[in-house]
Amino acid sequence: MSKLHHPAALTLALICLCTAQTAQEEEAEGAMDRGLLLDAVKTGILSSLGIEKPPVVHKKASQTELREMERLYQEKLTELGLNMNRSNGMSTLLLPHRVSKLPAGHGLDLRRRPFRWHRAEFTEKPSIQEELSLLHAQLYMSRQVLQRAAARVKVHIQGSRSTRHAVWTHTWASGDTTQTLALDISDEVQKWIRDDSGPLVVEVGHRGADYNFNISLKLTQKHAISRMTRSNKEEEECDDRELCCRQSMTVSFKDIGWTDWVVAPLEYTMHFCQGSCPHNYRPASMHTQVKSRLAQISKGGISRPCCVPAAYQPMVLMHYDSHGKLKLTPFEDLIVSKCHCA
């Protein structure tokens, strides 16, 4: 996994030029063009990755590789405290503590060939569940097969009275013989999180060859409204006085045509600092206060402080590199979290 990157090109592209300006120039600068900002983002990201143009991906990763990279991606987000998305949701990927084959004859159907059963046990519950409410939970499975196999699958959650039915989806492109399955089990997971019980036990049955497969559980949860209110405080500080504050814009990798090589996130909220810096407004330091005073005295002979980032938060990009390999690249100073005058 690569070290944190420093997108200097992006920082330079967005930096405020602290020069003496007329009121007309300030007004023109105030309405930043979205197209120019997106161009700056694209140039900055590519420059930080050490490439001049987006890589051309000739062959995509298999479902197994994608699942493993998704697990590493979620781990990195958690490590950096970044697993909050724009809707204030949080995604957690749980892997089973144990997956075992059940003895022959389990769930025997005498009318047909018997089902082969695997049992997966999830023991790790979300550590911050008291702060969250569950939106939905999906059971993911994937397997590599050597030939076309039976598509029907039975899924039974221990403690449930009924057995769910699902169907494998096939991927036979470019020699990739992958089957995948996604099943919503939100009700069962909600009960598991709420009750003081043991592991969540999932039994999966299928006919045909006994292929090994990967099982994971993705929980999507949501924070309380009070957390949302606090997280939006910075944007609420911007007002019609056009003073220095943090403004926001959504960057969609689909809109800029990068979804063929950027896997995650699909979009992110870009923040930038903009606005005027009157005397003693959000000064970054004592030097800023002195500079502001000198600008007043000199009547434009010395440039005033300008609105610049005071702090950043990182963003992790899951993407293909120029060799067609999936990788994770964390950017340390891509997203502005706070602005001040300097």
Protein backbone atom coordinates (compact mmCIF):
# COMPACT_ATOMS: atom_id res chain seq x y z
CA MET A 1 0.00 0.00 0.00
CA SER A 2 1.45 3.35 -0.98
CA LYS A 3 2.30 6.18 1.36
CA LEU A 4 0.26 9.35 1.56
CA HIS A 5 0.54 11.53 -1.54
CA HIS A 6 0.82 15.29 -1.62
CA PRO A 7 -1.08 16.72 -4.62
CA ALA A 8 1.06 19.83 -4.98
CA ALA A 9 -0.26 20.57 -8.46
CA LEU A 10 -3.82 20.66 -7.18
CA THR A 11 -2.85 22.85 -4.22
CA LEU A 12 -1.10 25.30 -6.53
CA ALA A 13 -4.00 25.28 -8.97
CA LEU A 14 -6.43 26.33 -6.25
CA ILE A 15 -4.24 28.69 -4.19
CA CYS A 16 -5.37 32.26 -3.73
CA LEU A 17 -3.08 34.90 -5.20
CA CYS A 18 -2.61 37.51 -2.48
CA THR A 19 -2.32 40.64 -4.55
CA ALA A 20 -3.98 44.02 -4.36
CA GLN A 21 -7.28 43.85 -6.28
CA THR A 22 -10.00 46.19 -7.30
CA ALA A 23 -13.61 45.59 -6.28
CA GLN A 24 -14.39 44.51 -9.87
CA GLU A 25 -11.56 41.95 -9.87
CA GLU A 26 -12.68 40.54 -6.53
CA GLU A 27 -16.22 40.16 -7.83
CA ALA A 28 -14.99 38.33 -10.95
CA GLU A 29 -12.83 36.02 -8.85
CA GLY A 30 -15.77 35.31 -6.54
CA ALA A 31 -17.64 33.26 -9.11
CA MET A 32 -15.21 30.39 -9.69
CA ASP A 33 -15.96 28.43 -12.85
CA ARG A 34 -16.90 24.79 -12.15
CA GLY A 35 -15.13 23.63 -15.29
CA LEU A 36 -11.86 25.24 -14.22
CA LEU A 37 -12.10 23.67 -10.77
CA LEU A 38 -12.70 20.21 -12.25
CA ASP A 39 -9.75 20.67 -14.61
CA ALA A 40 -7.60 21.58 -11.61
CA VAL A 41 -8.76 18.47 -9.76
CA LYS A 42 -7.99 16.20 -12.72
CA THR A 43 -4.57 17.77 -13.29
CA GLY A 44 -3.71 17.57 -9.60
CA ILE A 45 -4.68 13.90 -9.17
CA LEU A 46 -2.88 12.78 -12.33
CA SER A 47 0.24 14.76 -11.40
CA SER A 48 0.26 13.25 -7.91
CA LEU A 49 0.04 9.76 -9.41
CA GLY A 50 3.01 10.60 -11.64
CA ILE A 51 1.11 10.26 -14.92
CA GLU A 52 0.06 12.76 -17.59
CA LYS A 53 -3.19 11.13 -18.69
CA PRO A 54 -5.60 8.52 -17.31
CA PRO A 55 -4.41 4.90 -17.70
CA VAL A 56 -6.07 2.66 -20.27
CA VAL A 57 -7.40 -0.50 -18.61
CA HIS A 58 -7.53 -3.48 -20.98
CA LYS A 59 -8.62 -6.11 -18.44
CA LYS A 60 -10.61 -5.55 -15.26
CA ALA A 61 -9.95 -7.33 -11.96
CA SER A 62 -11.90 -10.47 -11.12
CA GLN A 63 -14.72 -10.37 -8.56
CA THR A 64 -12.45 -12.10 -6.04
CA GLU A 65 -9.76 -9.44 -6.50
CA LEU A 66 -12.35 -6.68 -6.25
CA ARG A 67 -13.75 -8.12 -2.99
CA GLU A 68 -10.29 -8.33 -1.46
CA MET A 69 -9.40 -4.79 -2.51
CA GLU A 70 -12.75 -3.57 -1.17
CA ARG A 71 -11.85 -5.13 2.19
CA LEU A 72 -8.46 -3.36 2.20
CA TYR A 73 -10.16 -0.13 1.10
CA GLN A 74 -12.61 -0.25 4.01
CA GLU A 75 -9.75 -1.01 6.42
CA LYS A 76 -7.82 2.02 5.16
CA LEU A 77 -10.87 4.28 5.48
CA THR A 78 -11.40 3.10 9.04
CA GLU A 79 -7.71 3.63 9.84
CA LEU A 80 -7.92 7.23 8.60
CA GLY A 81 -11.36 7.85 10.11
CA LEU A 82 -12.88 8.43 6.67
CA ASN A 83 -15.68 5.86 6.42
CA MET A 84 -18.36 8.57 6.37
CA ASN A 85 -19.99 9.21 2.99
CA ARG A 86 -21.96 12.18 1.72
CA SER A 87 -25.27 10.90 3.07
CA ASN A 88 -23.65 10.64 6.50
CA GLY A 89 -23.69 6.87 6.18
CA MET A 90 -20.98 4.46 7.17
CA SER A 91 -20.10 1.21 5.42
CA THR A 92 -18.52 -1.66 7.32
CA LEU A 93 -17.30 -4.84 5.64
CA LEU A 94 -17.37 -7.89 7.91
CA LEU A 95 -15.56 -11.12 7.04
CA PRO A 96 -16.61 -14.42 8.63
CA HIS A 97 -14.57 -15.72 11.54
CA ARG A 98 -14.92 -19.23 10.18
CA VAL A 99 -16.26 -20.95 7.04
CA SER A 100 -16.73 -24.73 7.23
CA LYS A 101 -18.25 -27.50 5.12
CA LEU A 102 -21.19 -29.32 6.67
CA PRO A 103 -21.34 -33.12 6.53
CA ALA A 104 -23.01 -34.85 3.62
CA GLY A 105 -26.74 -35.31 4.07
CA HIS A 106 -27.33 -31.94 5.73
CA GLY A 107 -30.61 -30.62 4.32
CA LEU A 108 -31.01 -33.75 2.16
CA ASP A 109 -33.63 -33.56 -0.58
CA LEU A 110 -34.51 -37.16 -1.59
CA ARG A 111 -36.22 -36.07 -4.78
CA ARG A 112 -33.03 -34.65 -6.29
CA ARG A 113 -29.31 -34.49 -5.76
CA PRO A 114 -28.57 -33.26 -2.23
CA PHE A 115 -27.43 -29.71 -1.56
CA ARG A 116 -23.86 -29.13 -0.45
CA TRP A 117 -23.78 -26.81 2.54
CA HIS A 118 -21.22 -24.34 3.90
CA ARG A 119 -21.55 -22.56 7.22
CA ALA A 120 -20.12 -19.05 7.82
CA GLU A 121 -19.92 -17.57 11.31
CA PHE A 122 -19.69 -13.81 11.83
CA THR A 123 -18.54 -12.99 15.35
CA GLU A 124 -17.46 -9.33 15.10
CA LYS A 125 -20.25 -6.85 15.68
CA PRO A 126 -19.85 -3.13 14.82
CA SER A 127 -17.86 -1.56 17.65
CA ILE A 128 -19.78 1.75 17.50
CA GLN A 129 -23.24 0.32 17.05
CA GLU A 130 -24.70 2.43 19.87
CA GLU A 131 -24.15 5.57 17.76
CA LEU A 132 -25.60 4.13 14.57
CA SER A 133 -28.80 2.85 13.07
CA LEU A 134 -28.72 0.13 10.41
CA LEU A 135 -29.87 1.15 6.93
CA HIS A 136 -29.33 -2.20 5.23
CA ALA A 137 -27.11 -5.28 5.30
CA GLN A 138 -26.12 -7.31 2.26
CA LEU A 139 -24.60 -10.77 2.16
CA TYR A 140 -22.05 -11.02 -0.65
CA MET A 141 -20.72 -14.26 -2.14
CA SER A 142 -18.46 -15.01 -5.08
CA ARG A 143 -16.85 -18.16 -6.43
CA GLN A 144 -14.63 -19.23 -9.31
CA VAL A 145 -16.03 -22.15 -11.33
CA LEU A 146 -14.38 -24.27 -14.02
CA GLN A 147 -17.59 -25.00 -15.88
CA ARG A 148 -21.17 -23.87 -15.88
CA ALA A 149 -22.68 -24.81 -12.54
CA ALA A 150 -26.13 -24.90 -10.97
CA ALA A 151 -27.41 -21.38 -10.36
CA ARG A 152 -29.86 -21.98 -7.51
CA VAL A 153 -28.69 -21.30 -3.95
CA LYS A 154 -30.36 -21.73 -0.55
CA VAL A 155 -29.45 -19.39 2.30
CA HIS A 156 -30.52 -20.01 5.87
CA ILE A 157 -29.80 -17.68 8.80
CA GLN A 158 -29.61 -19.55 12.09
CA GLY A 159 -32.61 -18.64 14.24
CA SER A 160 -34.80 -17.86 11.24
CA ARG A 161 -37.80 -20.08 10.49
CA SER A 162 -37.49 -19.80 6.72
CA THR A 163 -34.85 -20.51 4.10
CA ARG A 164 -34.11 -17.85 1.50
CA HIS A 165 -33.57 -18.62 -2.17
CA ALA A 166 -31.09 -16.83 -4.40
CA VAL A 167 -29.43 -17.26 -7.79
CA TRP A 168 -25.79 -16.94 -8.77
CA THR A 169 -25.06 -14.38 -11.47
CA HIS A 170 -22.55 -15.42 -14.10
CA THR A 171 -19.53 -13.60 -15.47
CA TRP A 172 -17.99 -15.39 -18.45
CA ALA A 173 -16.24 -12.47 -20.13
CA SER A 174 -12.52 -12.57 -20.99
CA GLY A 175 -12.10 -16.03 -19.47
CA ASP A 176 -13.32 -14.87 -16.03
CA THR A 177 -15.54 -17.68 -14.73
CA THR A 178 -16.86 -15.86 -11.69
CA GLN A 179 -20.28 -16.25 -10.09
CA THR A 180 -21.54 -13.66 -7.62
CA LEU A 181 -24.53 -13.26 -5.34
CA ALA A 182 -25.90 -10.43 -3.18
CA LEU A 183 -28.76 -10.98 -0.75
CA ASP A 184 -30.37 -8.45 1.59
CA ILE A 185 -30.52 -9.84 5.14
CA SER A 186 -31.16 -6.58 6.98
CA ASP A 187 -33.86 -7.99 9.29
CA GLU A 188 -31.67 -10.84 10.49
CA VAL A 189 -28.62 -8.59 11.01
CA GLN A 190 -30.69 -5.99 12.86
CA LYS A 191 -31.81 -8.67 15.30
CA TRP A 192 -28.23 -9.93 15.66
CA ILE A 193 -26.91 -6.44 16.45
CA ARG A 194 -29.74 -5.71 18.88
CA ASP A 195 -29.70 -9.00 20.81
CA ASP A 196 -26.97 -10.06 23.20
CA SER A 197 -26.42 -13.30 21.31
CA GLY A 198 -23.58 -15.30 19.82
CA PRO A 199 -22.29 -15.24 16.24
CA LEU A 200 -24.39 -14.63 13.17
CA VAL A 201 -24.49 -18.04 11.47
CA VAL A 202 -25.22 -18.19 7.74
CA GLU A 203 -25.64 -21.53 5.95
CA VAL A 204 -25.36 -21.61 2.17
CA GLY A 205 -26.47 -24.64 0.16
CA HIS A 206 -25.96 -25.38 -3.53
CA ARG A 207 -26.04 -28.33 -5.89
CA GLY A 208 -23.30 -29.53 -8.19
CA ALA A 209 -19.53 -29.32 -7.84
CA ASP A 210 -18.26 -28.29 -4.41
CA TYR A 211 -16.54 -25.01 -5.33
CA ASN A 212 -15.06 -22.92 -2.57
CA PHE A 213 -16.41 -19.38 -2.37
CA ASN A 214 -15.88 -16.11 -0.53
CA ILE A 215 -18.50 -14.75 1.85
CA SER A 216 -18.69 -11.24 3.30
CA LEU A 217 -21.29 -9.01 4.94
CA LYS A 218 -21.57 -5.31 4.16
CA LEU A 219 -23.40 -3.13 6.69
CA THR A 220 -24.54 0.38 5.79
CA GLN A 221 -25.32 2.44 8.85
CA LYS A 222 -26.29 6.03 9.61
CA HIS A 223 -25.30 8.51 12.31
CA ALA A 224 -27.77 10.48 14.38
CA ILE A 225 -29.06 13.85 13.16
CA SER A 226 -27.06 15.70 15.82
CA ARG A 227 -23.84 14.45 14.22
CA MET A 228 -25.02 15.69 10.82
CA THR A 229 -25.71 19.15 12.17
CA ARG A 230 -22.22 19.46 13.63
CA SER A 231 -20.55 18.14 10.48
CA ASN A 232 -22.23 20.83 8.36
CA LYS A 233 -21.24 23.69 10.64
CA GLU A 234 -18.36 24.84 8.43
CA GLU A 235 -20.55 25.31 5.36
CA GLU A 236 -23.18 27.15 7.41
CA GLU A 237 -20.59 29.79 8.33
CA CYS A 238 -20.54 31.05 4.72
CA ASP A 239 -22.92 33.97 4.29
CA ASP A 240 -23.79 36.73 1.86
CA ARG A 241 -21.00 38.96 3.18
CA GLU A 242 -18.57 37.01 0.93
CA LEU A 243 -15.99 36.68 3.71
CA CYS A 244 -13.41 33.90 3.87
CA CYS A 245 -15.09 30.51 4.35
CA ARG A 246 -15.07 26.93 3.06
CA GLN A 247 -17.26 26.32 0.03
CA SER A 248 -18.15 22.94 -1.46
CA MET A 249 -18.63 21.24 -4.80
CA THR A 250 -19.35 17.59 -5.62
CA VAL A 251 -16.82 15.93 -7.91
CA SER A 252 -18.27 12.91 -9.74
CA PHE A 253 -15.74 10.61 -11.39
CA LYS A 254 -18.55 9.51 -13.71
CA ASP A 255 -19.12 13.08 -14.90
CA ILE A 256 -15.42 13.59 -15.69
CA GLY A 257 -15.22 10.24 -17.50
CA TRP A 258 -12.95 8.37 -15.09
CA THR A 259 -15.10 5.40 -14.06
CA ASP A 260 -13.14 3.08 -16.36
CA TRP A 261 -10.10 3.32 -14.07
CA VAL A 262 -11.33 4.86 -10.77
CA VAL A 263 -13.25 2.23 -8.76
CA ALA A 264 -13.94 4.11 -5.52
CA PRO A 265 -15.19 6.51 -4.42
CA LEU A 266 -17.73 7.21 -7.14
CA GLU A 267 -17.74 10.85 -6.06
CA TYR A 268 -16.47 13.06 -3.26
CA THR A 269 -17.17 16.52 -1.89
CA MET A 270 -14.44 18.93 -2.82
CA HIS A 271 -13.98 21.93 -0.53
CA PHE A 272 -12.13 25.13 -1.37
CA CYS A 273 -11.45 28.39 0.45
CA GLN A 274 -12.88 31.58 -0.98
CA GLY A 275 -13.81 35.06 0.22
CA SER A 276 -12.28 38.32 1.40
CA CYS A 277 -10.10 38.79 4.45
CA PRO A 278 -10.81 42.11 6.19
CA HIS A 279 -8.61 43.25 9.07
CA ASN A 280 -8.36 40.66 11.89
CA TYR A 281 -10.87 38.27 10.29
CA ARG A 282 -9.87 34.65 10.98
CA PRO A 283 -6.15 35.48 11.19
CA ALA A 284 -3.85 32.47 10.84
CA SER A 285 -1.15 33.99 13.05
CA MET A 286 0.23 37.15 14.61
CA HIS A 287 2.10 37.67 11.34
CA THR A 288 -1.25 37.72 9.52
CA GLN A 289 -2.53 40.44 11.88
CA VAL A 290 0.59 42.54 11.26
CA LYS A 291 0.32 42.01 7.51
CA SER A 292 -3.33 43.01 7.55
CA ARG A 293 -2.52 46.21 9.41
CA LEU A 294 0.34 47.05 7.02
CA ALA A 295 -2.01 46.55 4.06
CA GLN A 296 -4.38 49.13 5.59
CA ILE A 297 -1.63 51.63 6.22
CA SER A 298 0.02 51.22 2.80
CA LYS A 299 -3.34 51.66 1.01
CA GLY A 300 -2.69 48.76 -1.33
CA GLY A 301 1.08 48.95 -1.42
CA ILE A 302 1.28 45.70 0.54
CA SER A 303 -1.00 42.79 -0.33
CA ARG A 304 -3.69 41.80 2.13
CA PRO A 305 -4.03 38.32 3.66
CA CYS A 306 -6.07 35.92 1.55
CA CYS A 307 -8.35 32.98 2.22
CA VAL A 308 -6.37 29.72 2.29
CA PRO A 309 -6.74 26.19 3.73
CA ALA A 310 -6.00 25.84 7.44
CA ALA A 311 -6.39 22.03 7.64
CA TYR A 312 -6.95 19.05 5.38
CA GLN A 313 -8.38 15.57 5.56
CA PRO A 314 -7.15 12.70 3.38
CA MET A 315 -9.02 10.82 0.67
CA VAL A 316 -8.32 7.25 -0.46
CA LEU A 317 -8.59 6.41 -4.16
CA MET A 318 -9.09 2.81 -5.32
CA HIS A 319 -7.95 2.73 -8.94
CA TYR A 320 -6.13 0.89 -11.70
CA ASP A 321 -2.54 1.89 -12.35
CA SER A 322 -0.80 2.15 -15.74
CA HIS A 323 -0.10 -1.61 -15.62
CA GLY A 324 -3.77 -2.50 -15.12
CA LYS A 325 -3.35 -3.48 -11.46
CA LEU A 326 -5.75 -2.42 -8.70
CA LYS A 327 -4.19 -0.29 -5.97
CA LEU A 328 -5.03 2.13 -3.17
CA THR A 329 -3.60 5.65 -3.14
CA PRO A 330 -4.25 7.86 -0.09
CA PHE A 331 -3.98 11.62 -0.73
CA GLU A 332 -3.04 13.51 2.43
CA ASP A 333 -4.07 17.07 1.56
CA LEU A 334 -6.74 16.82 -1.12
CA ILE A 335 -9.84 17.82 0.85
CA VAL A 336 -9.92 21.11 2.77
CA SER A 337 -11.51 20.84 6.21
CA LYS A 338 -10.99 24.41 7.45
CA CYS A 339 -10.09 27.85 6.07
CA HIS A 340 -8.42 30.96 7.50
CA CYS A 341 -6.74 34.18 6.38
CA ALA A 342 -2.99 34.21 5.86
